Amino acid sequence: MTILKGTVQFMALELLTAFVKQQSGRASQIAFEQKPSHDIQSIVLVLVYTLLRRLRSIAMSNVAYKNEAAMLNDAFKDAFGRNTVKFIR
């Protein structure tokens, strides 16, 4: 069994896909080579997470932005609310 290290919400999609294939029995081992693009994808995900969380916080603190707060909250949950590898993809 392969152990993932790190926060799955910020991992490269290619790694998560390979991991799910291995866990479902469709692949015996994960064939994965770490590339700079995977690190860039993770950095972008962290930046989007931070920005979306901040925008949501600002909108929720102002009554005038009630509709926007609900929309941002839904978007945040859709993008980052899952915490298992199977459901992040």
C-alpha atoms as a PDB file:
ATOM      1  CA  MET A   1       0.000   0.000   0.000  1.00  0.00           C
ATOM      2  CA  THR A   2       1.264   3.439  -0.911  1.00  0.00           C
ATOM      3  CA  ILE A   3       1.114   6.178   1.677  1.00  0.00           C
ATOM      4  CA  LEU A   4       0.416   9.697   0.482  1.00  0.00           C
ATOM      5  CA  LYS A   5       2.214  12.455   2.304  1.00  0.00           C
ATOM      6  CA  GLY A   6       0.834  15.961   2.244  1.00  0.00           C
ATOM      7  CA  THR A   7      -2.526  17.640   2.078  1.00  0.00           C
ATOM      8  CA  VAL A   8      -4.598  15.862  -0.555  1.00  0.00           C
ATOM      9  CA  GLN A   9      -6.604  18.977  -1.451  1.00  0.00           C
ATOM     10  CA  PHE A  10      -3.390  20.544  -2.771  1.00  0.00           C
ATOM     11  CA  MET A  11      -1.828  17.543  -4.530  1.00  0.00           C
ATOM     12  CA  ALA A  12      -1.342  17.276  -8.267  1.00  0.00           C
ATOM     13  CA  LEU A  13      -4.292  15.693 -10.039  1.00  0.00           C
ATOM     14  CA  GLU A  14      -1.993  13.241 -11.830  1.00  0.00           C
ATOM     15  CA  LEU A  15      -0.784  11.838  -8.493  1.00  0.00           C
ATOM     16  CA  LEU A  16      -4.314  11.518  -7.130  1.00  0.00           C
ATOM     17  CA  THR A  17      -5.494   9.761 -10.312  1.00  0.00           C
ATOM     18  CA  ALA A  18      -2.611   7.278 -10.160  1.00  0.00           C
ATOM     19  CA  PHE A  19      -3.287   6.646  -6.471  1.00  0.00           C
ATOM     20  CA  VAL A  20      -6.999   5.959  -7.057  1.00  0.00           C
ATOM     21  CA  LYS A  21      -6.150   3.543  -9.881  1.00  0.00           C
ATOM     22  CA  GLN A  22      -3.758   1.678  -7.604  1.00  0.00           C
ATOM     23  CA  GLN A  23      -6.269   1.552  -4.740  1.00  0.00           C
ATOM     24  CA  SER A  24      -9.035   0.252  -7.006  1.00  0.00           C
ATOM     25  CA  GLY A  25      -6.817  -2.546  -8.301  1.00  0.00           C
ATOM     26  CA  ARG A  26      -6.507  -1.166 -11.830  1.00  0.00           C
ATOM     27  CA  ALA A  27      -2.751  -0.675 -11.339  1.00  0.00           C
ATOM     28  CA  SER A  28      -0.346  -2.673  -9.201  1.00  0.00           C
ATOM     29  CA  GLN A  29       1.975   0.255  -8.482  1.00  0.00           C
ATOM     30  CA  ILE A  30       1.871   3.973  -8.902  1.00  0.00           C
ATOM     31  CA  ALA A  31       3.946   4.994 -11.905  1.00  0.00           C
ATOM     32  CA  PHE A  32       4.581   8.580 -10.990  1.00  0.00           C
ATOM     33  CA  GLU A  33       7.444  10.932 -11.647  1.00  0.00           C
ATOM     34  CA  GLN A  34       7.549  14.191  -9.718  1.00  0.00           C
ATOM     35  CA  LYS A  35       7.693  17.124 -12.137  1.00  0.00           C
ATOM     36  CA  PRO A  36       7.979  20.873 -11.575  1.00  0.00           C
ATOM     37  CA  SER A  37       4.480  21.256 -13.029  1.00  0.00           C
ATOM     38  CA  HIS A  38       3.100  19.243 -10.098  1.00  0.00           C
ATOM     39  CA  ASP A  39       4.666  21.684  -7.651  1.00  0.00           C
ATOM     40  CA  ILE A  40       3.266  24.627  -9.609  1.00  0.00           C
ATOM     41  CA  GLN A  41      -0.193  23.038  -9.582  1.00  0.00           C
ATOM     42  CA  SER A  42       0.026  22.655  -5.801  1.00  0.00           C
ATOM     43  CA  ILE A  43       1.130  26.262  -5.348  1.00  0.00           C
ATOM     44  CA  VAL A  44      -1.743  27.506  -7.520  1.00  0.00           C
ATOM     45  CA  LEU A  45      -4.213  25.420  -5.506  1.00  0.00           C
ATOM     46  CA  VAL A  46      -2.915  26.908  -2.244  1.00  0.00           C
ATOM     47  CA  LEU A  47      -3.204  30.431  -3.679  1.00  0.00           C
ATOM     48  CA  VAL A  48      -6.767  29.800  -4.906  1.00  0.00           C
ATOM     49  CA  TYR A  49      -7.663  28.304  -1.515  1.00  0.00           C
ATOM     50  CA  THR A  50      -6.270  31.353   0.302  1.00  0.00           C
ATOM     51  CA  LEU A  51      -7.961  33.849  -2.012  1.00  0.00           C
ATOM     52  CA  LEU A  52     -11.331  32.101  -1.964  1.00  0.00           C
ATOM     53  CA  ARG A  53     -11.231  31.732   1.808  1.00  0.00           C
ATOM     54  CA  ARG A  54     -10.417  35.435   2.233  1.00  0.00           C
ATOM     55  CA  LEU A  55     -13.122  36.566  -0.205  1.00  0.00           C
ATOM     56  CA  ARG A  56     -15.639  34.346   1.564  1.00  0.00           C
ATOM     57  CA  SER A  57     -14.642  35.806   4.926  1.00  0.00           C
ATOM     58  CA  ILE A  58     -15.014  39.389   3.679  1.00  0.00           C
ATOM     59  CA  ALA A  59     -18.401  38.675   2.079  1.00  0.00           C
ATOM     60  CA  MET A  60     -19.722  36.894   5.171  1.00  0.00           C
ATOM     61  CA  SER A  61     -18.786  39.823   7.408  1.00  0.00           C
ATOM     62  CA  ASN A  62     -20.832  42.317   5.357  1.00  0.00           C
ATOM     63  CA  VAL A  63     -24.631  42.006   5.220  1.00  0.00           C
ATOM     64  CA  ALA A  64     -24.706  43.773   1.836  1.00  0.00           C
ATOM     65  CA  TYR A  65     -22.890  40.810   0.275  1.00  0.00           C
ATOM     66  CA  LYS A  66     -25.208  38.079   1.575  1.00  0.00           C
ATOM     67  CA  ASN A  67     -25.824  36.519  -1.872  1.00  0.00           C
ATOM     68  CA  GLU A  68     -22.145  36.675  -2.789  1.00  0.00           C
ATOM     69  CA  ALA A  69     -21.207  35.100   0.550  1.00  0.00           C
ATOM     70  CA  ALA A  70     -23.502  32.145  -0.112  1.00  0.00           C
ATOM     71  CA  MET A  71     -22.097  31.722  -3.625  1.00  0.00           C
ATOM     72  CA  LEU A  72     -18.482  31.912  -2.392  1.00  0.00           C
ATOM     73  CA  ASN A  73     -19.240  29.520   0.443  1.00  0.00           C
ATOM     74  CA  ASP A  74     -20.666  26.960  -2.007  1.00  0.00           C
ATOM     75  CA  ALA A  75     -17.691  27.399  -4.348  1.00  0.00           C
ATOM     76  CA  PHE A  76     -15.266  26.974  -1.454  1.00  0.00           C
ATOM     77  CA  LYS A  77     -16.975  23.783  -0.264  1.00  0.00           C
ATOM     78  CA  ASP A  78     -17.091  22.376  -3.804  1.00  0.00           C
ATOM     79  CA  ALA A  79     -13.417  23.074  -4.420  1.00  0.00           C
ATOM     80  CA  PHE A  80     -11.877  22.325  -1.034  1.00  0.00           C
ATOM     81  CA  GLY A  81     -14.523  20.680   1.146  1.00  0.00           C
ATOM     82  CA  ARG A  82     -13.673  17.114   0.221  1.00  0.00           C
ATOM     83  CA  ASN A  83     -10.986  15.364   2.217  1.00  0.00           C
ATOM     84  CA  THR A  84     -10.601  11.920   0.670  1.00  0.00           C
ATOM     85  CA  VAL A  85      -8.591  11.145  -2.441  1.00  0.00           C
ATOM     86  CA  LYS A  86     -11.524   9.469  -4.159  1.00  0.00           C
ATOM     87  CA  PHE A  87     -13.780  12.527  -3.921  1.00  0.00           C
ATOM     88  CA  ILE A  88     -11.237  15.278  -4.661  1.00  0.00           C
ATOM     89  CA  ARG A  89     -10.888  14.306  -8.301  1.00  0.00           C
END
